[in-house]
Structures are given as C-alpha cells and as structure tokens.
Amino acid sequence: MLPPLMDSELSLYYTPYCGYCSYVQRVAEQLGVTLVLRDISADQTCYNDLVAAQHRATVPVLRITSEEGGSEWMPESRDIVEYLVKRFGK
C-alpha cells in the first residue's frame, strides 16, 4: 500500500446531479478522505479552471495539488476511485 499524501490537497470537480461524482464522494467518505468540492455548475471560476486544464467540462475530475503548487488532474470516476483506494485504503 502506498503511504497517504500528507502534503497535498485533493479537489473534486463535480456537479451535484452527476451520479459518477456522487460515487467518488461516497468512496472518499468511506475511506475517510477529505475532498475539497468544486461545483462547476455553481462556480464559474471552477468551471473555467477545469476547462483550461482538461479542455472540456466533463466531471468528475480529481485535482491533486502538491504543497509545492504542482497539479495533476485525474478524470474518470473509476480511475479516481482506484487511486483513492490504493492511496488511502486499509
């Protein structure tokens, strides 16, 4: 098992009506992982950031921001859940 990322922020770009987004949120909650929620339907800045990074507004997307400021964007609910389970599962 990989050690948890202690010096990073996990932001989930989502919409409240997206079933795949809800799935990711449920898994994170079960694992005790805190996600910063970025609702692209309610916050134009979040929407713009997502489109600038991914060139589309498809959700869910997990943004992993390191303490140094670097970011990795991870689309696709299955990939996000797999990452969370590998990183934070017991």
PDB file of N, CA and C in Angstrom:
ATOM      1  N   MET A   1       0.854  -1.184   0.000  1.00  0.00           N
ATOM      2  CA  MET A   1       0.000   0.000   0.000  1.00  0.00           C
ATOM      3  C   MET A   1       0.894   1.241   0.000  1.00  0.00           C
ATOM      4  N   LEU A   2       0.503   2.238  -0.768  1.00  0.00           N
ATOM      5  CA  LEU A   2       1.232   3.497  -0.839  1.00  0.00           C
ATOM      6  C   LEU A   2       0.907   4.351   0.384  1.00  0.00           C
ATOM      7  N   PRO A   3       1.873   5.121   0.881  1.00  0.00           N
ATOM      8  CA  PRO A   3       1.573   5.996   2.020  1.00  0.00           C
ATOM      9  C   PRO A   3       0.673   7.143   1.588  1.00  0.00           C
ATOM     10  N   PRO A   4      -0.148   7.662   2.507  1.00  0.00           N
ATOM     11  CA  PRO A   4      -1.009   8.795   2.167  1.00  0.00           C
ATOM     12  C   PRO A   4      -0.186  10.018   1.791  1.00  0.00           C
ATOM     13  N   LEU A   5      -0.739  10.822   0.911  1.00  0.00           N
ATOM     14  CA  LEU A   5      -0.107  12.087   0.558  1.00  0.00           C
ATOM     15  C   LEU A   5      -0.480  13.102   1.628  1.00  0.00           C
ATOM     16  N   MET A   6       0.464  13.458   2.459  1.00  0.00           N
ATOM     17  CA  MET A   6       0.164  14.366   3.555  1.00  0.00           C
ATOM     18  C   MET A   6       0.258  15.822   3.134  1.00  0.00           C
ATOM     19  N   ASP A   7       1.072  16.110   2.140  1.00  0.00           N
ATOM     20  CA  ASP A   7       1.327  17.492   1.764  1.00  0.00           C
ATOM     21  C   ASP A   7       0.630  17.846   0.464  1.00  0.00           C
ATOM     22  N   SER A   8      -0.604  17.419   0.321  1.00  0.00           N
ATOM     23  CA  SER A   8      -1.330  17.716  -0.908  1.00  0.00           C
ATOM     24  C   SER A   8      -2.780  18.040  -0.584  1.00  0.00           C
ATOM     25  N   GLU A   9      -3.433  18.634  -1.574  1.00  0.00           N
ATOM     26  CA  GLU A   9      -4.862  18.912  -1.467  1.00  0.00           C
ATOM     27  C   GLU A   9      -5.558  18.151  -2.576  1.00  0.00           C
ATOM     28  N   LEU A  10      -6.648  17.514  -2.244  1.00  0.00           N
ATOM     29  CA  LEU A  10      -7.439  16.776  -3.220  1.00  0.00           C
ATOM     30  C   LEU A  10      -8.731  17.534  -3.465  1.00  0.00           C
ATOM     31  N   SER A  11      -8.900  18.003  -4.689  1.00  0.00           N
ATOM     32  CA  SER A  11     -10.105  18.750  -5.057  1.00  0.00           C
ATOM     33  C   SER A  11     -10.889  17.951  -6.075  1.00  0.00           C
ATOM     34  N   LEU A  12     -12.170  17.783  -5.824  1.00  0.00           N
ATOM     35  CA  LEU A  12     -13.034  17.074  -6.756  1.00  0.00           C
ATOM     36  C   LEU A  12     -13.886  18.086  -7.503  1.00  0.00           C
ATOM     37  N   TYR A  13     -13.687  18.155  -8.797  1.00  0.00           N
ATOM     38  CA  TYR A  13     -14.520  18.989  -9.673  1.00  0.00           C
ATOM     39  C   TYR A  13     -15.724  18.131 -10.041  1.00  0.00           C
ATOM     40  N   TYR A  14     -16.919  18.640  -9.755  1.00  0.00           N
ATOM     41  CA  TYR A  14     -18.127  17.826  -9.840  1.00  0.00           C
ATOM     42  C   TYR A  14     -19.341  18.697 -10.135  1.00  0.00           C
ATOM     43  N   THR A  15     -20.469  18.024 -10.340  1.00  0.00           N
ATOM     44  CA  THR A  15     -21.777  18.677 -10.322  1.00  0.00           C
ATOM     45  C   THR A  15     -22.661  17.854  -9.385  1.00  0.00           C
ATOM     46  N   PRO A  16     -23.614  18.485  -8.710  1.00  0.00           N
ATOM     47  CA  PRO A  16     -24.433  17.765  -7.740  1.00  0.00           C
ATOM     48  C   PRO A  16     -25.372  16.737  -8.368  1.00  0.00           C
ATOM     49  N   TYR A  17     -25.617  16.821  -9.654  1.00  0.00           N
ATOM     50  CA  TYR A  17     -26.537  15.895 -10.315  1.00  0.00           C
ATOM     51  C   TYR A  17     -25.811  14.779 -11.067  1.00  0.00           C
ATOM     52  N   CYS A  18     -24.516  14.646 -10.870  1.00  0.00           N
ATOM     53  CA  CYS A  18     -23.705  13.631 -11.542  1.00  0.00           C
ATOM     54  C   CYS A  18     -23.584  12.390 -10.653  1.00  0.00           C
ATOM     55  N   GLY A  19     -24.122  11.271 -11.122  1.00  0.00           N
ATOM     56  CA  GLY A  19     -24.049  10.020 -10.365  1.00  0.00           C
ATOM     57  C   GLY A  19     -22.631   9.524 -10.164  1.00  0.00           C
ATOM     58  N   TYR A  20     -21.783   9.687 -11.167  1.00  0.00           N
ATOM     59  CA  TYR A  20     -20.387   9.275 -11.047  1.00  0.00           C
ATOM     60  C   TYR A  20     -19.662  10.114  -9.992  1.00  0.00           C
ATOM     61  N   CYS A  21     -19.998  11.380  -9.923  1.00  0.00           N
ATOM     62  CA  CYS A  21     -19.418  12.268  -8.912  1.00  0.00           C
ATOM     63  C   CYS A  21     -19.842  11.835  -7.512  1.00  0.00           C
ATOM     64  N   SER A  22     -21.109  11.485  -7.359  1.00  0.00           N
ATOM     65  CA  SER A  22     -21.618  11.009  -6.066  1.00  0.00           C
ATOM     66  C   SER A  22     -20.912   9.732  -5.642  1.00  0.00           C
ATOM     67  N   TYR A  23     -20.668   8.859  -6.598  1.00  0.00           N
ATOM     68  CA  TYR A  23     -19.958   7.607  -6.329  1.00  0.00           C
ATOM     69  C   TYR A  23     -18.561   7.902  -5.767  1.00  0.00           C
ATOM     70  N   VAL A  24     -17.820   8.788  -6.408  1.00  0.00           N
ATOM     71  CA  VAL A  24     -16.482   9.152  -5.940  1.00  0.00           C
ATOM     72  C   VAL A  24     -16.565   9.741  -4.531  1.00  0.00           C
ATOM     73  N   GLN A  25     -17.533  10.601  -4.291  1.00  0.00           N
ATOM     74  CA  GLN A  25     -17.679  11.217  -2.972  1.00  0.00           C
ATOM     75  C   GLN A  25     -17.979  10.171  -1.902  1.00  0.00           C
ATOM     76  N   ARG A  26     -18.831   9.191  -2.215  1.00  0.00           N
ATOM     77  CA  ARG A  26     -19.160   8.126  -1.254  1.00  0.00           C
ATOM     78  C   ARG A  26     -17.917   7.308  -0.900  1.00  0.00           C
ATOM     79  N   VAL A  27     -17.137   6.945  -1.912  1.00  0.00           N
ATOM     80  CA  VAL A  27     -15.930   6.157  -1.666  1.00  0.00           C
ATOM     81  C   VAL A  27     -14.950   6.955  -0.817  1.00  0.00           C
ATOM     82  N   ALA A  28     -14.749   8.224  -1.133  1.00  0.00           N
ATOM     83  CA  ALA A  28     -13.842   9.066  -0.351  1.00  0.00           C
ATOM     84  C   ALA A  28     -14.307   9.134   1.105  1.00  0.00           C
ATOM     85  N   GLU A  29     -15.602   9.304   1.293  1.00  0.00           N
ATOM     86  CA  GLU A  29     -16.153   9.371   2.653  1.00  0.00           C
ATOM     87  C   GLU A  29     -15.917   8.062   3.395  1.00  0.00           C
ATOM     88  N   GLN A  30     -16.140   6.925   2.738  1.00  0.00           N
ATOM     89  CA  GLN A  30     -15.916   5.617   3.360  1.00  0.00           C
ATOM     90  C   GLN A  30     -14.454   5.423   3.751  1.00  0.00           C
ATOM     91  N   LEU A  31     -13.548   6.004   2.968  1.00  0.00           N
ATOM     92  CA  LEU A  31     -12.115   5.885   3.247  1.00  0.00           C
ATOM     93  C   LEU A  31     -11.624   6.941   4.230  1.00  0.00           C
ATOM     94  N   GLY A  32     -12.483   7.877   4.581  1.00  0.00           N
ATOM     95  CA  GLY A  32     -12.090   8.955   5.485  1.00  0.00           C
ATOM     96  C   GLY A  32     -11.216  10.007   4.823  1.00  0.00           C
ATOM     97  N   VAL A  33     -11.354  10.149   3.503  1.00  0.00           N
ATOM     98  CA  VAL A  33     -10.554  11.101   2.739  1.00  0.00           C
ATOM     99  C   VAL A  33     -11.340  12.402   2.578  1.00  0.00           C
ATOM    100  N   THR A  34     -10.706  13.517   2.886  1.00  0.00           N
ATOM    101  CA  THR A  34     -11.334  14.816   2.724  1.00  0.00           C
ATOM    102  C   THR A  34     -11.065  15.338   1.323  1.00  0.00           C
ATOM    103  N   LEU A  35     -12.122  15.623   0.597  1.00  0.00           N
ATOM    104  CA  LEU A  35     -12.030  16.220  -0.732  1.00  0.00           C
ATOM    105  C   LEU A  35     -12.559  17.647  -0.665  1.00  0.00           C
ATOM    106  N   VAL A  36     -11.851  18.565  -1.290  1.00  0.00           N
ATOM    107  CA  VAL A  36     -12.368  19.922  -1.448  1.00  0.00           C
ATOM    108  C   VAL A  36     -13.298  19.856  -2.660  1.00  0.00           C
ATOM    109  N   LEU A  37     -14.569  20.158  -2.449  1.00  0.00           N
ATOM    110  CA  LEU A  37     -15.553  20.037  -3.525  1.00  0.00           C
ATOM    111  C   LEU A  37     -15.634  21.324  -4.329  1.00  0.00           C
ATOM    112  N   ARG A  38     -15.516  21.194  -5.642  1.00  0.00           N
ATOM    113  CA  ARG A  38     -15.549  22.322  -6.573  1.00  0.00           C
ATOM    114  C   ARG A  38     -16.703  22.100  -7.549  1.00  0.00           C
ATOM    115  N   ASP A  39     -17.840  22.702  -7.258  1.00  0.00           N
ATOM    116  CA  ASP A  39     -19.052  22.550  -8.070  1.00  0.00           C
ATOM    117  C   ASP A  39     -18.951  23.439  -9.303  1.00  0.00           C
ATOM    118  N   ILE A  40     -18.720  22.818 -10.466  1.00  0.00           N
ATOM    119  CA  ILE A  40     -18.537  23.610 -11.687  1.00  0.00           C
ATOM    120  C   ILE A  40     -19.839  24.215 -12.193  1.00  0.00           C
ATOM    121  N   SER A  41     -20.980  23.723 -11.696  1.00  0.00           N
ATOM    122  CA  SER A  41     -22.260  24.293 -12.116  1.00  0.00           C
ATOM    123  C   SER A  41     -22.627  25.531 -11.304  1.00  0.00           C
ATOM    124  N   ALA A  42     -21.971  25.730 -10.170  1.00  0.00           N
ATOM    125  CA  ALA A  42     -22.278  26.869  -9.299  1.00  0.00           C
ATOM    126  C   ALA A  42     -21.148  27.894  -9.229  1.00  0.00           C
ATOM    127  N   ASP A  43     -19.971  27.525  -9.700  1.00  0.00           N
ATOM    128  CA  ASP A  43     -18.812  28.404  -9.571  1.00  0.00           C
ATOM    129  C   ASP A  43     -18.104  28.512 -10.925  1.00  0.00           C
ATOM    130  N   GLN A  44     -18.237  29.653 -11.552  1.00  0.00           N
ATOM    131  CA  GLN A  44     -17.672  29.861 -12.887  1.00  0.00           C
ATOM    132  C   GLN A  44     -16.147  29.729 -12.893  1.00  0.00           C
ATOM    133  N   THR A  45     -15.494  30.140 -11.812  1.00  0.00           N
ATOM    134  CA  THR A  45     -14.043  30.016 -11.737  1.00  0.00           C
ATOM    135  C   THR A  45     -13.622  28.555 -11.760  1.00  0.00           C
ATOM    136  N   CYS A  46     -14.331  27.715 -11.016  1.00  0.00           N
ATOM    137  CA  CYS A  46     -14.034  26.283 -11.019  1.00  0.00           C
ATOM    138  C   CYS A  46     -14.251  25.697 -12.417  1.00  0.00           C
ATOM    139  N   TYR A  47     -15.340  26.086 -13.042  1.00  0.00           N
ATOM    140  CA  TYR A  47     -15.624  25.636 -14.404  1.00  0.00           C
ATOM    141  C   TYR A  47     -14.481  26.040 -15.339  1.00  0.00           C
ATOM    142  N   ASN A  48     -14.085  27.299 -15.273  1.00  0.00           N
ATOM    143  CA  ASN A  48     -13.011  27.802 -16.139  1.00  0.00           C
ATOM    144  C   ASN A  48     -11.686  27.085 -15.880  1.00  0.00           C
ATOM    145  N   ASP A  49     -11.362  26.837 -14.605  1.00  0.00           N
ATOM    146  CA  ASP A  49     -10.131  26.126 -14.265  1.00  0.00           C
ATOM    147  C   ASP A  49     -10.136  24.717 -14.847  1.00  0.00           C
ATOM    148  N   LEU A  50     -11.273  24.034 -14.736  1.00  0.00           N
ATOM    149  CA  LEU A  50     -11.388  22.682 -15.264  1.00  0.00           C
ATOM    150  C   LEU A  50     -11.216  22.658 -16.776  1.00  0.00           C
ATOM    151  N   VAL A  51     -11.899  23.550 -17.461  1.00  0.00           N
ATOM    152  CA  VAL A  51     -11.815  23.592 -18.924  1.00  0.00           C
ATOM    153  C   VAL A  51     -10.405  23.977 -19.376  1.00  0.00           C
ATOM    154  N   ALA A  52      -9.771  24.889 -18.669  1.00  0.00           N
ATOM    155  CA  ALA A  52      -8.416  25.283 -19.029  1.00  0.00           C
ATOM    156  C   ALA A  52      -7.444  24.103 -18.890  1.00  0.00           C
ATOM    157  N   ALA A  53      -7.641  23.290 -17.874  1.00  0.00           N
ATOM    158  CA  ALA A  53      -6.734  22.167 -17.626  1.00  0.00           C
ATOM    159  C   ALA A  53      -7.053  20.951 -18.490  1.00  0.00           C
ATOM    160  N   GLN A  54      -8.347  20.678 -18.692  1.00  0.00           N
ATOM    161  CA  GLN A  54      -8.762  19.442 -19.358  1.00  0.00           C
ATOM    162  C   GLN A  54      -9.295  19.649 -20.781  1.00  0.00           C
ATOM    163  N   HIS A  55      -9.524  20.886 -21.148  1.00  0.00           N
ATOM    164  CA  HIS A  55     -10.093  21.241 -22.463  1.00  0.00           C
ATOM    165  C   HIS A  55     -11.503  20.695 -22.660  1.00  0.00           C
ATOM    166  N   ARG A  56     -12.173  20.430 -21.550  1.00  0.00           N
ATOM    167  CA  ARG A  56     -13.582  20.014 -21.555  1.00  0.00           C
ATOM    168  C   ARG A  56     -14.120  20.124 -20.134  1.00  0.00           C
ATOM    169  N   ALA A  57     -15.435  20.091 -20.019  1.00  0.00           N
ATOM    170  CA  ALA A  57     -16.060  20.272 -18.707  1.00  0.00           C
ATOM    171  C   ALA A  57     -16.716  18.987 -18.204  1.00  0.00           C
ATOM    172  N   THR A  58     -16.149  17.853 -18.540  1.00  0.00           N
ATOM    173  CA  THR A  58     -16.678  16.565 -18.097  1.00  0.00           C
ATOM    174  C   THR A  58     -16.212  16.286 -16.673  1.00  0.00           C
ATOM    175  N   VAL A  59     -17.142  15.867 -15.825  1.00  0.00           N
ATOM    176  CA  VAL A  59     -16.820  15.552 -14.433  1.00  0.00           C
ATOM    177  C   VAL A  59     -17.208  14.099 -14.151  1.00  0.00           C
ATOM    178  N   PRO A  60     -16.623  13.496 -13.123  1.00  0.00           N
ATOM    179  CA  PRO A  60     -15.743  14.051 -12.104  1.00  0.00           C
ATOM    180  C   PRO A  60     -14.288  14.098 -12.567  1.00  0.00           C
ATOM    181  N   VAL A  61     -13.553  15.035 -11.981  1.00  0.00           N
ATOM    182  CA  VAL A  61     -12.109  15.144 -12.169  1.00  0.00           C
ATOM    183  C   VAL A  61     -11.501  15.453 -10.802  1.00  0.00           C
ATOM    184  N   LEU A  62     -10.490  14.683 -10.445  1.00  0.00           N
ATOM    185  CA  LEU A  62      -9.773  14.913  -9.195  1.00  0.00           C
ATOM    186  C   LEU A  62      -8.508  15.705  -9.501  1.00  0.00           C
ATOM    187  N   ARG A  63      -8.332  16.807  -8.790  1.00  0.00           N
ATOM    188  CA  ARG A  63      -7.104  17.594  -8.922  1.00  0.00           C
ATOM    189  C   ARG A  63      -6.269  17.372  -7.675  1.00  0.00           C
ATOM    190  N   ILE A  64      -5.059  16.877  -7.890  1.00  0.00           N
ATOM    191  CA  ILE A  64      -4.126  16.615  -6.805  1.00  0.00           C
ATOM    192  C   ILE A  64      -3.089  17.731  -6.853  1.00  0.00           C
ATOM    193  N   THR A  65      -3.115  18.611  -5.860  1.00  0.00           N
ATOM    194  CA  THR A  65      -2.204  19.748  -5.810  1.00  0.00           C
ATOM    195  C   THR A  65      -1.181  19.509  -4.702  1.00  0.00           C
ATOM    196  N   SER A  66       0.084  19.513  -5.080  1.00  0.00           N
ATOM    197  CA  SER A  66       1.145  19.292  -4.096  1.00  0.00           C
ATOM    198  C   SER A  66       1.404  20.570  -3.304  1.00  0.00           C
ATOM    199  N   GLU A  67       2.101  20.414  -2.199  1.00  0.00           N
ATOM    200  CA  GLU A  67       2.445  21.564  -1.363  1.00  0.00           C
ATOM    201  C   GLU A  67       3.298  22.561  -2.147  1.00  0.00           C
ATOM    202  N   GLU A  68       4.071  22.066  -3.101  1.00  0.00           N
ATOM    203  CA  GLU A  68       4.921  22.928  -3.930  1.00  0.00           C
ATOM    204  C   GLU A  68       4.122  23.671  -4.990  1.00  0.00           C
ATOM    205  N   GLY A  69       2.854  23.311  -5.173  1.00  0.00           N
ATOM    206  CA  GLY A  69       1.999  24.013  -6.122  1.00  0.00           C
ATOM    207  C   GLY A  69       1.755  23.298  -7.429  1.00  0.00           C
ATOM    208  N   GLY A  70       2.430  22.186  -7.667  1.00  0.00           N
ATOM    209  CA  GLY A  70       2.185  21.408  -8.879  1.00  0.00           C
ATOM    210  C   GLY A  70       0.843  20.704  -8.812  1.00  0.00           C
ATOM    211  N   SER A  71       0.246  20.470  -9.977  1.00  0.00           N
ATOM    212  CA  SER A  71      -1.064  19.822 -10.016  1.00  0.00           C
ATOM    213  C   SER A  71      -1.084  18.673 -11.000  1.00  0.00           C
ATOM    214  N   GLU A  72      -1.826  17.654 -10.628  1.00  0.00           N
ATOM    215  CA  GLU A  72      -2.131  16.541 -11.518  1.00  0.00           C
ATOM    216  C   GLU A  72      -3.646  16.447 -11.586  1.00  0.00           C
ATOM    217  N   TRP A  73      -4.192  16.341 -12.787  1.00  0.00           N
ATOM    218  CA  TRP A  73      -5.630  16.243 -12.986  1.00  0.00           C
ATOM    219  C   TRP A  73      -5.964  14.813 -13.387  1.00  0.00           C
ATOM    220  N   MET A  74      -6.906  14.195 -12.678  1.00  0.00           N
ATOM    221  CA  MET A  74      -7.275  12.812 -12.933  1.00  0.00           C
ATOM    222  C   MET A  74      -8.762  12.723 -13.265  1.00  0.00           C
ATOM    223  N   PRO A  75      -9.108  12.510 -14.543  1.00  0.00           N
ATOM    224  CA  PRO A  75     -10.506  12.322 -14.918  1.00  0.00           C
ATOM    225  C   PRO A  75     -10.923  10.859 -14.722  1.00  0.00           C
ATOM    226  N   GLU A  76     -12.201  10.604 -14.879  1.00  0.00           N
ATOM    227  CA  GLU A  76     -12.796   9.259 -14.872  1.00  0.00           C
ATOM    228  C   GLU A  76     -12.990   8.714 -13.463  1.00  0.00           C
ATOM    229  N   SER A  77     -14.230   8.477 -13.112  1.00  0.00           N
ATOM    230  CA  SER A  77     -14.577   8.039 -11.760  1.00  0.00           C
ATOM    231  C   SER A  77     -13.873   6.747 -11.363  1.00  0.00           C
ATOM    232  N   ARG A  78     -13.779   5.778 -12.260  1.00  0.00           N
ATOM    233  CA  ARG A  78     -13.120   4.514 -11.906  1.00  0.00           C
ATOM    234  C   ARG A  78     -11.645   4.724 -11.584  1.00  0.00           C
ATOM    235  N   ASP A  79     -10.985   5.569 -12.356  1.00  0.00           N
ATOM    236  CA  ASP A  79      -9.570   5.855 -12.088  1.00  0.00           C
ATOM    237  C   ASP A  79      -9.396   6.588 -10.762  1.00  0.00           C
ATOM    238  N   ILE A  80     -10.299   7.516 -10.485  1.00  0.00           N
ATOM    239  CA  ILE A  80     -10.234   8.273  -9.229  1.00  0.00           C
ATOM    240  C   ILE A  80     -10.430   7.337  -8.047  1.00  0.00           C
ATOM    241  N   VAL A  81     -11.446   6.478  -8.117  1.00  0.00           N
ATOM    242  CA  VAL A  81     -11.722   5.545  -7.026  1.00  0.00           C
ATOM    243  C   VAL A  81     -10.547   4.586  -6.839  1.00  0.00           C
ATOM    244  N   GLU A  82     -10.000   4.092  -7.931  1.00  0.00           N
ATOM    245  CA  GLU A  82      -8.846   3.195  -7.833  1.00  0.00           C
ATOM    246  C   GLU A  82      -7.677   3.898  -7.141  1.00  0.00           C
ATOM    247  N   TYR A  83      -7.423   5.144  -7.516  1.00  0.00           N
ATOM    248  CA  TYR A  83      -6.357   5.927  -6.887  1.00  0.00           C
ATOM    249  C   TYR A  83      -6.616   6.087  -5.383  1.00  0.00           C
ATOM    250  N   LEU A  84      -7.839   6.477  -5.023  1.00  0.00           N
ATOM    251  CA  LEU A  84      -8.175   6.699  -3.613  1.00  0.00           C
ATOM    252  C   LEU A  84      -8.020   5.416  -2.793  1.00  0.00           C
ATOM    253  N   VAL A  85      -8.490   4.305  -3.333  1.00  0.00           N
ATOM    254  CA  VAL A  85      -8.391   3.021  -2.616  1.00  0.00           C
ATOM    255  C   VAL A  85      -6.932   2.617  -2.469  1.00  0.00           C
ATOM    256  N   LYS A  86      -6.143   2.743  -3.523  1.00  0.00           N
ATOM    257  CA  LYS A  86      -4.719   2.373  -3.433  1.00  0.00           C
ATOM    258  C   LYS A  86      -3.977   3.282  -2.457  1.00  0.00           C
ATOM    259  N   ARG A  87      -4.304   4.571  -2.478  1.00  0.00           N
ATOM    260  CA  ARG A  87      -3.584   5.550  -1.686  1.00  0.00           C
ATOM    261  C   ARG A  87      -4.029   5.559  -0.225  1.00  0.00           C
ATOM    262  N   PHE A  88      -5.330   5.360   0.023  1.00  0.00           N
ATOM    263  CA  PHE A  88      -5.863   5.545   1.379  1.00  0.00           C
ATOM    264  C   PHE A  88      -6.545   4.307   1.959  1.00  0.00           C
ATOM    265  N   GLY A  89      -6.707   3.253   1.164  1.00  0.00           N
ATOM    266  CA  GLY A  89      -7.362   2.043   1.665  1.00  0.00           C
ATOM    267  C   GLY A  89      -6.551   1.355   2.735  1.00  0.00           C
ATOM    268  N   LYS A  90      -7.217   0.549   3.502  1.00  0.00           N
ATOM    269  CA  LYS A  90      -6.541  -0.138   4.612  1.00  0.00           C
ATOM    270  C   LYS A  90      -6.286  -1.577   4.306  1.00  0.00           C
TER     271      LYS A  90
END
